[in-house]
Each structure stands twice: as structure tokens, then as C-alpha cells.
Protein backbone atom coordinates (compact mmCIF):
# COMPACT_ATOMS: atom_id res chain seq x y z
CA PRO A 1 84.49 59.32 150.79
CA LYS A 2 83.93 61.79 153.84
CA SER A 3 83.85 64.53 151.37
CA MET A 4 80.64 63.49 149.74
CA GLN A 5 77.17 64.02 151.12
CA GLY A 6 74.60 61.21 151.11
CA ARG A 7 74.19 57.86 152.64
CA SER A 8 74.53 54.17 151.76
CA VAL A 9 71.48 52.51 149.98
CA THR A 10 72.81 49.07 150.56
CA ALA A 11 69.81 48.20 152.75
CA LEU A 12 67.38 49.52 150.17
CA MET A 13 68.99 47.28 147.49
CA ALA A 14 68.53 44.42 149.84
CA GLY A 15 64.75 45.18 150.17
CA GLN A 16 65.03 46.81 153.42
CA ALA A 17 63.50 50.37 154.01
CA LEU A 18 65.75 53.29 154.85
CA PRO A 19 65.02 55.40 157.89
CA PRO A 20 63.40 58.80 156.79
CA ARG A 21 65.89 61.76 156.61
CA PRO A 22 65.49 65.41 155.90
CA ALA A 23 66.11 66.49 152.18
CA TYR A 24 67.94 69.89 151.62
CA GLY A 25 67.93 72.20 148.71
CA GLU A 26 69.32 75.39 147.25
CA LEU A 27 67.08 77.85 145.41
CA LEU A 28 68.83 80.25 143.05
CA PRO A 29 67.55 83.68 141.84
CA ALA A 30 65.33 83.59 138.80
CA PRO A 31 63.58 86.34 136.79
CA SER A 32 60.20 85.45 138.52
CA TRP A 33 61.78 84.95 141.97
CA LYS A 34 64.78 87.27 143.00
CA HIS A 35 65.99 85.47 145.98
CA ALA A 36 68.82 83.02 146.87
CA ALA A 37 67.59 80.63 149.41
CA LYS A 38 68.30 77.31 151.20
CA MET A 39 65.60 74.81 152.25
CA VAL A 40 64.88 71.58 154.23
CA VAL A 41 61.92 69.19 153.87
CA SER A 42 61.33 67.04 156.93
CA GLY A 43 62.08 63.33 156.76
CA ASP A 44 58.45 62.65 156.70
CA GLY A 45 57.79 64.99 153.86
CA LYS A 46 55.18 66.97 155.91
CA HIS A 47 56.90 70.34 156.45
CA LYS A 48 59.34 72.62 154.36
CA LEU A 49 61.54 75.33 155.92
CA ILE A 50 63.03 77.91 153.53
CA TYR A 51 65.56 80.63 154.51
CA ARG A 52 65.80 83.38 151.89
CA ILE A 53 69.47 84.45 152.14
CA SER A 54 68.98 87.66 150.10
CA ASP A 55 66.45 89.30 152.58
CA ARG A 56 67.05 87.01 155.66
CA GLN A 57 63.44 85.85 155.73
CA TRP A 58 62.17 82.42 157.01
CA GLU A 59 59.11 80.57 155.65
CA LEU A 60 57.50 77.29 157.14
CA TYR A 61 54.94 75.25 155.36
CA ASP A 62 52.84 72.29 156.32
CA LEU A 63 52.98 70.47 153.01
CA GLY A 64 50.04 68.22 153.98
CA ALA A 65 47.56 71.07 154.72
CA ASP A 66 48.98 73.58 152.43
CA PRO A 67 50.63 71.72 149.27
CA GLU A 68 50.65 74.99 147.41
CA GLU A 69 52.83 76.84 150.08
CA ARG A 70 50.44 79.75 150.73
CA LYS A 71 50.36 79.99 154.41
CA ASN A 72 53.73 80.81 156.05
CA LEU A 73 53.65 79.25 159.60
CA TYR A 74 57.15 80.66 160.62
CA GLY A 75 56.97 82.49 163.90
CA LYS A 76 54.02 80.39 165.27
CA ASN A 77 56.50 78.56 167.50
CA LEU A 78 55.52 75.11 166.21
CA PRO A 79 57.94 72.25 167.46
CA ILE A 80 58.76 71.56 163.98
CA GLU A 81 60.10 75.05 163.37
CA ALA A 82 62.96 74.68 165.85
CA GLU A 83 63.71 71.07 164.58
CA LEU A 84 64.01 72.19 160.99
CA LYS A 85 65.73 75.34 161.63
CA GLU A 86 68.44 73.40 163.60
CA GLU A 87 68.58 70.98 160.72
CA LEU A 88 69.04 73.61 158.05
CA THR A 89 71.33 75.68 160.12
CA ARG A 90 73.72 72.79 160.55
CA TRP A 91 73.58 71.87 156.75
CA MET A 92 74.31 75.57 155.98
CA GLU A 93 77.32 75.69 158.21
CA VAL A 94 78.77 72.59 156.67
CA ASP A 95 77.98 73.90 153.25
CA LEU A 96 79.51 77.30 153.94
CA ALA A 97 82.52 75.81 155.56
CA ASP A 98 83.87 74.43 152.17
């Protein structure tokens, strides 16, 4: 149904590859991390963008070069930044519309 998020995996079951798509996530506050956040990982798995809702801060990581997410690249005007921000914003708008 249209109310469900996801995609068909029929091609995958037939042995065909699925085209890469971004993966979205929601992070909830915890004792060691006091933020609510939404995030997206690029379809190729190389970059992650996080929006911390609680303090309106953005974080961008190059997961290949920095798998421990220690160097925030947000604000460096990398092309992937705008692409992932658009993806995440679109997902958040859909999520918030419910």
C-alpha cells in the first residue's frame, strides 16, 4: 500500500541487483547522547548526514575515510552535502506530515 515505506524486492529474489538507495534513520535520546536526530546514509554507503533536531545542528561524515565519524564535514560545501540534505529534508517532511 502507498502508506508503507519501502520498495519491491522482486528483482532481488530473481537474482537481479537492486539500484542503490539512501537509507534513513531516526536516533532517540539516550543517557549518553541527549539528542533527537534524523539521518540519511547515501545509497553507496559512503556518506552520512545527521540533523540533530534538539539543537538544530548538522553533521556530515565521509564513512570511507572516517568510519568512526570523528571529522564533521558539514559546511565545507561538498556536493554530497546538498544532495543528502535535500534527501533528508524530503524524508523528514513526509515523516512529519503523518
